[in-house]
Amino acid sequence: MLRTPDLACLYVSLVFASTFVAYTLLKHKRVPEYTDMAIIILSSSAAVVALELGCMVLTVDDTGLGNLAQYRLPVVLGALAIFWTAIGSLGKTCRQALDRMRQSKGEH
């Protein structure tokens, strides 16, 4: 994994948001709403951070985790829950934004 998860989530968020904006501009000639873009950026960041956390907790030895070593399984399950929720939110937000654009344009 990357040494700096904050940069990883920044890059993934920017790439995903830029791709979504480019797609909507090309397909619908419109930019998504600000709230949709905020949710897309935050959800993609959360997914990357959760993935990094889960992988880190699974690969680090007990001394590296310190007092948290006894909570390895709950932390991994929490990271999985955050990842799952972030991906679900990302998909739902993109779908709703595209549906609103289609409806406002009169497409079905």
PDB file of N, CA and C in Angstrom:
ATOM      1  N   MET A   1       0.833  -1.183   0.000  1.00  0.00           N
ATOM      2  CA  MET A   1       0.000   0.000   0.000  1.00  0.00           C
ATOM      3  C   MET A   1       0.882   1.252   0.000  1.00  0.00           C
ATOM      4  N   LEU A   2       0.276   2.357  -0.169  1.00  0.00           N
ATOM      5  CA  LEU A   2       1.019   3.610  -0.218  1.00  0.00           C
ATOM      6  C   LEU A   2       1.487   4.013   1.175  1.00  0.00           C
ATOM      7  N   ARG A   3       2.595   4.705   1.239  1.00  0.00           N
ATOM      8  CA  ARG A   3       3.130   5.178   2.513  1.00  0.00           C
ATOM      9  C   ARG A   3       2.320   6.345   3.071  1.00  0.00           C
ATOM     10  N   THR A   4       1.672   7.091   2.212  1.00  0.00           N
ATOM     11  CA  THR A   4       0.900   8.241   2.668  1.00  0.00           C
ATOM     12  C   THR A   4      -0.555   8.081   2.237  1.00  0.00           C
ATOM     13  N   PRO A   5      -1.387   7.521   3.110  1.00  0.00           N
ATOM     14  CA  PRO A   5      -2.787   7.303   2.726  1.00  0.00           C
ATOM     15  C   PRO A   5      -3.548   8.599   2.462  1.00  0.00           C
ATOM     16  N   ASP A   6      -3.105   9.695   3.075  1.00  0.00           N
ATOM     17  CA  ASP A   6      -3.805  10.957   2.814  1.00  0.00           C
ATOM     18  C   ASP A   6      -3.631  11.386   1.362  1.00  0.00           C
ATOM     19  N   LEU A   7      -2.453  11.172   0.800  1.00  0.00           N
ATOM     20  CA  LEU A   7      -2.254  11.479  -0.616  1.00  0.00           C
ATOM     21  C   LEU A   7      -3.009  10.505  -1.509  1.00  0.00           C
ATOM     22  N   ALA A   8      -3.062   9.251  -1.102  1.00  0.00           N
ATOM     23  CA  ALA A   8      -3.790   8.257  -1.891  1.00  0.00           C
ATOM     24  C   ALA A   8      -5.259   8.621  -1.976  1.00  0.00           C
ATOM     25  N   CYS A   9      -5.869   8.989  -0.837  1.00  0.00           N
ATOM     26  CA  CYS A   9      -7.292   9.329  -0.893  1.00  0.00           C
ATOM     27  C   CYS A   9      -7.513  10.625  -1.657  1.00  0.00           C
ATOM     28  N   LEU A  10      -6.574  11.542  -1.589  1.00  0.00           N
ATOM     29  CA  LEU A  10      -6.689  12.778  -2.364  1.00  0.00           C
ATOM     30  C   LEU A  10      -6.649  12.485  -3.858  1.00  0.00           C
ATOM     31  N   TYR A  11      -5.693  11.662  -4.281  1.00  0.00           N
ATOM     32  CA  TYR A  11      -5.573  11.333  -5.702  1.00  0.00           C
ATOM     33  C   TYR A  11      -6.787  10.552  -6.205  1.00  0.00           C
ATOM     34  N   VAL A  12      -7.224   9.560  -5.454  1.00  0.00           N
ATOM     35  CA  VAL A  12      -8.381   8.770  -5.875  1.00  0.00           C
ATOM     36  C   VAL A  12      -9.617   9.654  -5.966  1.00  0.00           C
ATOM     37  N   SER A  13      -9.804  10.509  -4.979  1.00  0.00           N
ATOM     38  CA  SER A  13     -10.966  11.409  -4.983  1.00  0.00           C
ATOM     39  C   SER A  13     -10.941  12.345  -6.178  1.00  0.00           C
ATOM     40  N   LEU A  14      -9.793  12.932  -6.444  1.00  0.00           N
ATOM     41  CA  LEU A  14      -9.683  13.850  -7.572  1.00  0.00           C
ATOM     42  C   LEU A  14      -9.884  13.150  -8.906  1.00  0.00           C
ATOM     43  N   VAL A  15      -9.319  11.962  -9.053  1.00  0.00           N
ATOM     44  CA  VAL A  15      -9.487  11.211 -10.301  1.00  0.00           C
ATOM     45  C   VAL A  15     -10.947  10.819 -10.494  1.00  0.00           C
ATOM     46  N   PHE A  16     -11.571  10.305  -9.439  1.00  0.00           N
ATOM     47  CA  PHE A  16     -12.959   9.879  -9.574  1.00  0.00           C
ATOM     48  C   PHE A  16     -13.875  11.065  -9.842  1.00  0.00           C
ATOM     49  N   ALA A  17     -13.700  12.154  -9.083  1.00  0.00           N
ATOM     50  CA  ALA A  17     -14.542  13.337  -9.278  1.00  0.00           C
ATOM     51  C   ALA A  17     -14.329  13.936 -10.664  1.00  0.00           C
ATOM     52  N   SER A  18     -13.087  14.021 -11.102  1.00  0.00           N
ATOM     53  CA  SER A  18     -12.793  14.569 -12.435  1.00  0.00           C
ATOM     54  C   SER A  18     -13.392  13.708 -13.529  1.00  0.00           C
ATOM     55  N   THR A  19     -13.317  12.404 -13.372  1.00  0.00           N
ATOM     56  CA  THR A  19     -13.893  11.490 -14.354  1.00  0.00           C
ATOM     57  C   THR A  19     -15.409  11.648 -14.419  1.00  0.00           C
ATOM     58  N   PHE A  20     -16.032  11.767 -13.247  1.00  0.00           N
ATOM     59  CA  PHE A  20     -17.485  11.932 -13.220  1.00  0.00           C
ATOM     60  C   PHE A  20     -17.900  13.261 -13.854  1.00  0.00           C
ATOM     61  N   VAL A  21     -17.192  14.326 -13.551  1.00  0.00           N
ATOM     62  CA  VAL A  21     -17.499  15.632 -14.149  1.00  0.00           C
ATOM     63  C   VAL A  21     -17.301  15.582 -15.659  1.00  0.00           C
ATOM     64  N   ALA A  22     -16.209  14.982 -16.107  1.00  0.00           N
ATOM     65  CA  ALA A  22     -15.953  14.879 -17.547  1.00  0.00           C
ATOM     66  C   ALA A  22     -17.059  14.082 -18.235  1.00  0.00           C
ATOM     67  N   TYR A  23     -17.482  12.979 -17.613  1.00  0.00           N
ATOM     68  CA  TYR A  23     -18.548  12.161 -18.193  1.00  0.00           C
ATOM     69  C   TYR A  23     -19.846  12.947 -18.308  1.00  0.00           C
ATOM     70  N   THR A  24     -20.215  13.645 -17.222  1.00  0.00           N
ATOM     71  CA  THR A  24     -21.478  14.393 -17.266  1.00  0.00           C
ATOM     72  C   THR A  24     -21.409  15.560 -18.248  1.00  0.00           C
ATOM     73  N   LEU A  25     -20.250  16.168 -18.368  1.00  0.00           N
ATOM     74  CA  LEU A  25     -20.111  17.249 -19.344  1.00  0.00           C
ATOM     75  C   LEU A  25     -20.245  16.732 -20.768  1.00  0.00           C
ATOM     76  N   LEU A  26     -19.612  15.601 -21.046  1.00  0.00           N
ATOM     77  CA  LEU A  26     -19.669  15.041 -22.395  1.00  0.00           C
ATOM     78  C   LEU A  26     -21.045  14.473 -22.718  1.00  0.00           C
ATOM     79  N   LYS A  27     -21.637  13.775 -21.781  1.00  0.00           N
ATOM     80  CA  LYS A  27     -22.913  13.091 -22.032  1.00  0.00           C
ATOM     81  C   LYS A  27     -24.118  14.014 -21.887  1.00  0.00           C
ATOM     82  N   HIS A  28     -24.113  14.871 -20.853  1.00  0.00           N
ATOM     83  CA  HIS A  28     -25.300  15.677 -20.551  1.00  0.00           C
ATOM     84  C   HIS A  28     -25.084  17.179 -20.694  1.00  0.00           C
ATOM     85  N   LYS A  29     -23.870  17.577 -20.994  1.00  0.00           N
ATOM     86  CA  LYS A  29     -23.531  19.001 -21.146  1.00  0.00           C
ATOM     87  C   LYS A  29     -23.839  19.803 -19.867  1.00  0.00           C
ATOM     88  N   ARG A  30     -23.696  19.159 -18.725  1.00  0.00           N
ATOM     89  CA  ARG A  30     -23.947  19.803 -17.432  1.00  0.00           C
ATOM     90  C   ARG A  30     -22.931  19.328 -16.407  1.00  0.00           C
ATOM     91  N   VAL A  31     -22.736  20.155 -15.396  1.00  0.00           N
ATOM     92  CA  VAL A  31     -21.859  19.806 -14.279  1.00  0.00           C
ATOM     93  C   VAL A  31     -22.755  19.314 -13.142  1.00  0.00           C
ATOM     94  N   PRO A  32     -22.334  18.281 -12.418  1.00  0.00           N
ATOM     95  CA  PRO A  32     -23.143  17.806 -11.293  1.00  0.00           C
ATOM     96  C   PRO A  32     -23.287  18.884 -10.217  1.00  0.00           C
ATOM     97  N   GLU A  33     -24.298  18.720  -9.381  1.00  0.00           N
ATOM     98  CA  GLU A  33     -24.510  19.653  -8.280  1.00  0.00           C
ATOM     99  C   GLU A  33     -23.358  19.566  -7.282  1.00  0.00           C
ATOM    100  N   TYR A  34     -23.165  20.663  -6.567  1.00  0.00           N
ATOM    101  CA  TYR A  34     -22.071  20.732  -5.591  1.00  0.00           C
ATOM    102  C   TYR A  34     -22.204  19.648  -4.519  1.00  0.00           C
ATOM    103  N   THR A  35     -23.417  19.435  -4.017  1.00  0.00           N
ATOM    104  CA  THR A  35     -23.590  18.436  -2.956  1.00  0.00           C
ATOM    105  C   THR A  35     -23.259  17.033  -3.456  1.00  0.00           C
ATOM    106  N   ASP A  36     -23.601  16.744  -4.694  1.00  0.00           N
ATOM    107  CA  ASP A  36     -23.248  15.438  -5.258  1.00  0.00           C
ATOM    108  C   ASP A  36     -21.733  15.279  -5.345  1.00  0.00           C
ATOM    109  N   MET A  37     -21.063  16.330  -5.783  1.00  0.00           N
ATOM    110  CA  MET A  37     -19.604  16.256  -5.885  1.00  0.00           C
ATOM    111  C   MET A  37     -18.954  16.106  -4.504  1.00  0.00           C
ATOM    112  N   ALA A  38     -19.498  16.799  -3.505  1.00  0.00           N
ATOM    113  CA  ALA A  38     -18.959  16.673  -2.152  1.00  0.00           C
ATOM    114  C   ALA A  38     -19.118  15.243  -1.643  1.00  0.00           C
ATOM    115  N   ILE A  39     -20.266  14.644  -1.877  1.00  0.00           N
ATOM    116  CA  ILE A  39     -20.492  13.262  -1.443  1.00  0.00           C
ATOM    117  C   ILE A  39     -19.572  12.314  -2.204  1.00  0.00           C
ATOM    118  N   ILE A  40     -19.394  12.532  -3.485  1.00  0.00           N
ATOM    119  CA  ILE A  40     -18.507  11.686  -4.288  1.00  0.00           C
ATOM    120  C   ILE A  40     -17.072  11.769  -3.774  1.00  0.00           C
ATOM    121  N   ILE A  41     -16.601  12.964  -3.502  1.00  0.00           N
ATOM    122  CA  ILE A  41     -15.233  13.140  -3.011  1.00  0.00           C
ATOM    123  C   ILE A  41     -15.062  12.512  -1.637  1.00  0.00           C
ATOM    124  N   LEU A  42     -15.997  12.771  -0.732  1.00  0.00           N
ATOM    125  CA  LEU A  42     -15.885  12.223   0.621  1.00  0.00           C
ATOM    126  C   LEU A  42     -16.039  10.705   0.632  1.00  0.00           C
ATOM    127  N   SER A  43     -16.937  10.165  -0.166  1.00  0.00           N
ATOM    128  CA  SER A  43     -17.126   8.713  -0.202  1.00  0.00           C
ATOM    129  C   SER A  43     -15.914   7.998  -0.779  1.00  0.00           C
ATOM    130  N   SER A  44     -15.353   8.539  -1.838  1.00  0.00           N
ATOM    131  CA  SER A  44     -14.173   7.882  -2.414  1.00  0.00           C
ATOM    132  C   SER A  44     -12.984   7.998  -1.457  1.00  0.00           C
ATOM    133  N   SER A  45     -12.866   9.100  -0.740  1.00  0.00           N
ATOM    134  CA  SER A  45     -11.804   9.231   0.264  1.00  0.00           C
ATOM    135  C   SER A  45     -11.996   8.221   1.393  1.00  0.00           C
ATOM    136  N   ALA A  46     -13.227   8.097   1.865  1.00  0.00           N
ATOM    137  CA  ALA A  46     -13.520   7.152   2.949  1.00  0.00           C
ATOM    138  C   ALA A  46     -13.219   5.718   2.529  1.00  0.00           C
ATOM    139  N   ALA A  47     -13.523   5.375   1.291  1.00  0.00           N
ATOM    140  CA  ALA A  47     -13.248   4.019   0.811  1.00  0.00           C
ATOM    141  C   ALA A  47     -11.750   3.733   0.806  1.00  0.00           C
ATOM    142  N   VAL A  48     -10.962   4.681   0.355  1.00  0.00           N
ATOM    143  CA  VAL A  48      -9.507   4.485   0.318  1.00  0.00           C
ATOM    144  C   VAL A  48      -8.932   4.383   1.734  1.00  0.00           C
ATOM    145  N   VAL A  49      -9.365   5.268   2.622  1.00  0.00           N
ATOM    146  CA  VAL A  49      -8.852   5.242   3.992  1.00  0.00           C
ATOM    147  C   VAL A  49      -9.259   3.951   4.692  1.00  0.00           C
ATOM    148  N   ALA A  50     -10.488   3.497   4.486  1.00  0.00           N
ATOM    149  CA  ALA A  50     -10.932   2.247   5.103  1.00  0.00           C
ATOM    150  C   ALA A  50     -10.134   1.067   4.577  1.00  0.00           C
ATOM    151  N   LEU A  51      -9.862   1.055   3.293  1.00  0.00           N
ATOM    152  CA  LEU A  51      -9.052  -0.010   2.704  1.00  0.00           C
ATOM    153  C   LEU A  51      -7.637   0.000   3.276  1.00  0.00           C
ATOM    154  N   GLU A  52      -7.063   1.175   3.376  1.00  0.00           N
ATOM    155  CA  GLU A  52      -5.718   1.307   3.963  1.00  0.00           C
ATOM    156  C   GLU A  52      -5.703   0.840   5.414  1.00  0.00           C
ATOM    157  N   LEU A  53      -6.706   1.259   6.197  1.00  0.00           N
ATOM    158  CA  LEU A  53      -6.773   0.863   7.606  1.00  0.00           C
ATOM    159  C   LEU A  53      -6.910  -0.639   7.745  1.00  0.00           C
ATOM    160  N   GLY A  54      -7.802  -1.227   6.976  1.00  0.00           N
ATOM    161  CA  GLY A  54      -7.983  -2.679   7.045  1.00  0.00           C
ATOM    162  C   GLY A  54      -6.723  -3.439   6.686  1.00  0.00           C
ATOM    163  N   CYS A  55      -6.060  -3.024   5.631  1.00  0.00           N
ATOM    164  CA  CYS A  55      -4.818  -3.688   5.222  1.00  0.00           C
ATOM    165  C   CYS A  55      -3.710  -3.492   6.249  1.00  0.00           C
ATOM    166  N   MET A  56      -3.627  -2.294   6.808  1.00  0.00           N
ATOM    167  CA  MET A  56      -2.598  -2.026   7.811  1.00  0.00           C
ATOM    168  C   MET A  56      -2.802  -2.879   9.056  1.00  0.00           C
ATOM    169  N   VAL A  57      -4.038  -2.950   9.525  1.00  0.00           N
ATOM    170  CA  VAL A  57      -4.325  -3.723  10.735  1.00  0.00           C
ATOM    171  C   VAL A  57      -4.093  -5.212  10.495  1.00  0.00           C
ATOM    172  N   LEU A  58      -4.348  -5.681   9.297  1.00  0.00           N
ATOM    173  CA  LEU A  58      -4.127  -7.100   8.996  1.00  0.00           C
ATOM    174  C   LEU A  58      -2.654  -7.461   8.839  1.00  0.00           C
ATOM    175  N   THR A  59      -1.829  -6.505   8.425  1.00  0.00           N
ATOM    176  CA  THR A  59      -0.441  -6.830   8.119  1.00  0.00           C
ATOM    177  C   THR A  59       0.557  -6.444   9.207  1.00  0.00           C
ATOM    178  N   VAL A  60       0.179  -5.533  10.108  1.00  0.00           N
ATOM    179  CA  VAL A  60       1.098  -5.086  11.153  1.00  0.00           C
ATOM    180  C   VAL A  60       1.114  -6.116  12.283  1.00  0.00           C
ATOM    181  N   ASP A  61       2.290  -6.329  12.865  1.00  0.00           N
ATOM    182  CA  ASP A  61       2.365  -7.265  13.983  1.00  0.00           C
ATOM    183  C   ASP A  61       1.799  -6.638  15.259  1.00  0.00           C
ATOM    184  N   ASP A  62       1.647  -7.451  16.296  1.00  0.00           N
ATOM    185  CA  ASP A  62       1.007  -6.993  17.529  1.00  0.00           C
ATOM    186  C   ASP A  62       1.746  -5.845  18.201  1.00  0.00           C
ATOM    187  N   THR A  63       3.065  -5.832  18.112  1.00  0.00           N
ATOM    188  CA  THR A  63       3.800  -4.737  18.751  1.00  0.00           C
ATOM    189  C   THR A  63       3.557  -3.415  18.021  1.00  0.00           C
ATOM    190  N   GLY A  64       3.333  -3.476  16.742  1.00  0.00           N
ATOM    191  CA  GLY A  64       3.057  -2.275  15.972  1.00  0.00           C
ATOM    192  C   GLY A  64       1.699  -1.669  16.302  1.00  0.00           C
ATOM    193  N   LEU A  65       0.756  -2.523  16.695  1.00  0.00           N
ATOM    194  CA  LEU A  65      -0.568  -2.030  17.061  1.00  0.00           C
ATOM    195  C   LEU A  65      -0.657  -1.612  18.527  1.00  0.00           C
ATOM    196  N   GLY A  66       0.268  -2.085  19.329  1.00  0.00           N
ATOM    197  CA  GLY A  66       0.273  -1.717  20.743  1.00  0.00           C
ATOM    198  C   GLY A  66      -0.962  -2.231  21.458  1.00  0.00           C
ATOM    199  N   ASN A  67      -1.624  -1.354  22.203  1.00  0.00           N
ATOM    200  CA  ASN A  67      -2.808  -1.746  22.979  1.00  0.00           C
ATOM    201  C   ASN A  67      -3.996  -2.118  22.101  1.00  0.00           C
ATOM    202  N   LEU A  68      -3.970  -1.726  20.842  1.00  0.00           N
ATOM    203  CA  LEU A  68      -5.075  -2.035  19.935  1.00  0.00           C
ATOM    204  C   LEU A  68      -4.991  -3.438  19.334  1.00  0.00           C
ATOM    205  N   ALA A  69      -3.934  -4.172  19.634  1.00  0.00           N
ATOM    206  CA  ALA A  69      -3.757  -5.503  19.054  1.00  0.00           C
ATOM    207  C   ALA A  69      -4.913  -6.433  19.398  1.00  0.00           C
ATOM    208  N   GLN A  70      -5.474  -6.278  20.585  1.00  0.00           N
ATOM    209  CA  GLN A  70      -6.582  -7.147  20.986  1.00  0.00           C
ATOM    210  C   GLN A  70      -7.879  -6.803  20.246  1.00  0.00           C
ATOM    211  N   TYR A  71      -7.919  -5.656  19.581  1.00  0.00           N
ATOM    212  CA  TYR A  71      -9.102  -5.227  18.843  1.00  0.00           C
ATOM    213  C   TYR A  71      -8.922  -5.337  17.335  1.00  0.00           C
ATOM    214  N   ARG A  72      -8.018  -6.181  16.914  1.00  0.00           N
ATOM    215  CA  ARG A  72      -7.724  -6.313  15.482  1.00  0.00           C
ATOM    216  C   ARG A  72      -8.972  -6.667  14.671  1.00  0.00           C
ATOM    217  N   LEU A  73      -9.711  -7.665  15.085  1.00  0.00           N
ATOM    218  CA  LEU A  73     -10.892  -8.096  14.330  1.00  0.00           C
ATOM    219  C   LEU A  73     -11.970  -7.009  14.277  1.00  0.00           C
ATOM    220  N   PRO A  74     -12.342  -6.373  15.406  1.00  0.00           N
ATOM    221  CA  PRO A  74     -13.344  -5.301  15.294  1.00  0.00           C
ATOM    222  C   PRO A  74     -12.891  -4.132  14.412  1.00  0.00           C
ATOM    223  N   VAL A  75     -11.608  -3.807  14.427  1.00  0.00           N
ATOM    224  CA  VAL A  75     -11.118  -2.716  13.583  1.00  0.00           C
ATOM    225  C   VAL A  75     -11.229  -3.100  12.111  1.00  0.00           C
ATOM    226  N   VAL A  76     -10.879  -4.332  11.787  1.00  0.00           N
ATOM    227  CA  VAL A  76     -10.993  -4.793  10.395  1.00  0.00           C
ATOM    228  C   VAL A  76     -12.457  -4.811   9.965  1.00  0.00           C
ATOM    229  N   LEU A  77     -13.347  -5.280  10.829  1.00  0.00           N
ATOM    230  CA  LEU A  77     -14.770  -5.295  10.488  1.00  0.00           C
ATOM    231  C   LEU A  77     -15.315  -3.871  10.343  1.00  0.00           C
ATOM    232  N   GLY A  78     -14.862  -2.960  11.196  1.00  0.00           N
ATOM    233  CA  GLY A  78     -15.270  -1.560  11.069  1.00  0.00           C
ATOM    234  C   GLY A  78     -14.779  -0.945   9.767  1.00  0.00           C
ATOM    235  N   ALA A  79     -13.536  -1.253   9.405  1.00  0.00           N
ATOM    236  CA  ALA A  79     -12.993  -0.750   8.141  1.00  0.00           C
ATOM    237  C   ALA A  79     -13.780  -1.314   6.959  1.00  0.00           C
ATOM    238  N   LEU A  80     -14.149  -2.595   7.041  1.00  0.00           N
ATOM    239  CA  LEU A  80     -14.953  -3.202   5.981  1.00  0.00           C
ATOM    240  C   LEU A  80     -16.323  -2.536   5.890  1.00  0.00           C
ATOM    241  N   ALA A  81     -16.928  -2.244   7.042  1.00  0.00           N
ATOM    242  CA  ALA A  81     -18.237  -1.572   7.049  1.00  0.00           C
ATOM    243  C   ALA A  81     -18.143  -0.178   6.447  1.00  0.00           C
ATOM    244  N   ILE A  82     -17.092   0.546   6.779  1.00  0.00           N
ATOM    245  CA  ILE A  82     -16.912   1.886   6.214  1.00  0.00           C
ATOM    246  C   ILE A  82     -16.697   1.804   4.706  1.00  0.00           C
ATOM    247  N   PHE A  83     -15.876   0.862   4.270  1.00  0.00           N
ATOM    248  CA  PHE A  83     -15.625   0.678   2.837  1.00  0.00           C
ATOM    249  C   PHE A  83     -16.926   0.358   2.112  1.00  0.00           C
ATOM    250  N   TRP A  84     -17.692  -0.584   2.637  1.00  0.00           N
ATOM    251  CA  TRP A  84     -18.948  -1.013   2.019  1.00  0.00           C
ATOM    252  C   TRP A  84     -19.932   0.148   1.918  1.00  0.00           C
ATOM    253  N   THR A  85     -20.064   0.906   3.003  1.00  0.00           N
ATOM    254  CA  THR A  85     -20.973   2.043   3.035  1.00  0.00           C
ATOM    255  C   THR A  85     -20.527   3.140   2.069  1.00  0.00           C
ATOM    256  N   ALA A  86     -19.226   3.401   2.018  1.00  0.00           N
ATOM    257  CA  ALA A  86     -18.706   4.439   1.130  1.00  0.00           C
ATOM    258  C   ALA A  86     -18.948   4.084  -0.335  1.00  0.00           C
ATOM    259  N   ILE A  87     -18.702   2.833  -0.691  1.00  0.00           N
ATOM    260  CA  ILE A  87     -18.923   2.400  -2.077  1.00  0.00           C
ATOM    261  C   ILE A  87     -20.410   2.474  -2.421  1.00  0.00           C
ATOM    262  N   GLY A  88     -21.265   2.057  -1.490  1.00  0.00           N
ATOM    263  CA  GLY A  88     -22.711   2.140  -1.715  1.00  0.00           C
ATOM    264  C   GLY A  88     -23.174   3.575  -1.895  1.00  0.00           C
ATOM    265  N   SER A  89     -22.670   4.465  -1.066  1.00  0.00           N
ATOM    266  CA  SER A  89     -23.017   5.879  -1.157  1.00  0.00           C
ATOM    267  C   SER A  89     -22.514   6.489  -2.461  1.00  0.00           C
ATOM    268  N   LEU A  90     -21.337   6.095  -2.857  1.00  0.00           N
ATOM    269  CA  LEU A  90     -20.750   6.574  -4.108  1.00  0.00           C
ATOM    270  C   LEU A  90     -21.611   6.173  -5.303  1.00  0.00           C
ATOM    271  N   GLY A  91     -21.982   4.917  -5.360  1.00  0.00           N
ATOM    272  CA  GLY A  91     -22.822   4.433  -6.461  1.00  0.00           C
ATOM    273  C   GLY A  91     -24.187   5.083  -6.481  1.00  0.00           C
ATOM    274  N   LYS A  92     -24.805   5.191  -5.302  1.00  0.00           N
ATOM    275  CA  LYS A  92     -26.138   5.781  -5.210  1.00  0.00           C
ATOM    276  C   LYS A  92     -26.122   7.252  -5.615  1.00  0.00           C
ATOM    277  N   THR A  93     -25.124   7.986  -5.172  1.00  0.00           N
ATOM    278  CA  THR A  93     -25.031   9.408  -5.500  1.00  0.00           C
ATOM    279  C   THR A  93     -24.820   9.614  -6.999  1.00  0.00           C
ATOM    280  N   CYS A  94     -23.946   8.826  -7.591  1.00  0.00           N
ATOM    281  CA  CYS A  94     -23.707   8.942  -9.042  1.00  0.00           C
ATOM    282  C   CYS A  94     -24.970   8.613  -9.824  1.00  0.00           C
ATOM    283  N   ARG A  95     -25.648   7.544  -9.427  1.00  0.00           N
ATOM    284  CA  ARG A  95     -26.879   7.145 -10.106  1.00  0.00           C
ATOM    285  C   ARG A  95     -27.950   8.230 -10.004  1.00  0.00           C
ATOM    286  N   GLN A  96     -28.130   8.783  -8.793  1.00  0.00           N
ATOM    287  CA  GLN A  96     -29.146   9.825  -8.604  1.00  0.00           C
ATOM    288  C   GLN A  96     -28.808  11.093  -9.388  1.00  0.00           C
ATOM    289  N   ALA A  97     -27.539  11.463  -9.397  1.00  0.00           N
ATOM    290  CA  ALA A  97     -27.136  12.659 -10.146  1.00  0.00           C
ATOM    291  C   ALA A  97     -27.405  12.472 -11.632  1.00  0.00           C
ATOM    292  N   LEU A  98     -27.072  11.305 -12.151  1.00  0.00           N
ATOM    293  CA  LEU A  98     -27.315  11.043 -13.576  1.00  0.00           C
ATOM    294  C   LEU A  98     -28.809  10.986 -13.881  1.00  0.00           C
ATOM    295  N   ASP A  99     -29.589  10.399 -12.986  1.00  0.00           N
ATOM    296  CA  ASP A  99     -31.041  10.352 -13.192  1.00  0.00           C
ATOM    297  C   ASP A  99     -31.644  11.750 -13.215  1.00  0.00           C
ATOM    298  N   ARG A 100     -31.193  12.624 -12.308  1.00  0.00           N
ATOM    299  CA  ARG A 100     -31.698  14.007 -12.292  1.00  0.00           C
ATOM    300  C   ARG A 100     -31.339  14.726 -13.583  1.00  0.00           C
ATOM    301  N   MET A 101     -30.151  14.480 -14.087  1.00  0.00           N
ATOM    302  CA  MET A 101     -29.740  15.124 -15.338  1.00  0.00           C
ATOM    303  C   MET A 101     -30.581  14.630 -16.499  1.00  0.00           C
ATOM    304  N   ARG A 102     -30.844  13.318 -16.532  1.00  0.00           N
ATOM    305  CA  ARG A 102     -31.679  12.768 -17.601  1.00  0.00           C
ATOM    306  C   ARG A 102     -33.103  13.320 -17.538  1.00  0.00           C
ATOM    307  N   GLN A 103     -33.656  13.410 -16.335  1.00  0.00           N
ATOM    308  CA  GLN A 103     -35.023  13.913 -16.183  1.00  0.00           C
ATOM    309  C   GLN A 103     -35.143  15.377 -16.570  1.00  0.00           C
ATOM    310  N   SER A 104     -34.141  16.156 -16.205  1.00  0.00           N
ATOM    311  CA  SER A 104     -34.200  17.579 -16.539  1.00  0.00           C
ATOM    312  C   SER A 104     -34.027  17.809 -18.045  1.00  0.00           C
ATOM    313  N   LYS A 105     -33.400  16.851 -18.699  1.00  0.00           N
ATOM    314  CA  LYS A 105     -33.183  16.958 -20.149  1.00  0.00           C
ATOM    315  C   LYS A 105     -34.351  16.334 -20.927  1.00  0.00           C
ATOM    316  N   GLY A 106     -35.210  15.598 -20.216  1.00  0.00           N
ATOM    317  CA  GLY A 106     -36.338  14.970 -20.890  1.00  0.00           C
ATOM    318  C   GLY A 106     -36.060  13.590 -21.403  1.00  0.00           C
ATOM    319  N   GLU A 107     -34.908  12.993 -21.027  1.00  0.00           N
ATOM    320  CA  GLU A 107     -34.579  11.630 -21.460  1.00  0.00           C
ATOM    321  C   GLU A 107     -35.171  10.632 -20.481  1.00  0.00           C
ATOM    322  N   HIS A 108     -35.375   9.405 -20.935  1.00  0.00           N
ATOM    323  CA  HIS A 108     -35.851   8.346 -20.036  1.00  0.00           C
ATOM    324  C   HIS A 108     -35.115   7.076 -20.271  1.00  0.00           C
TER     325      HIS A 108
END
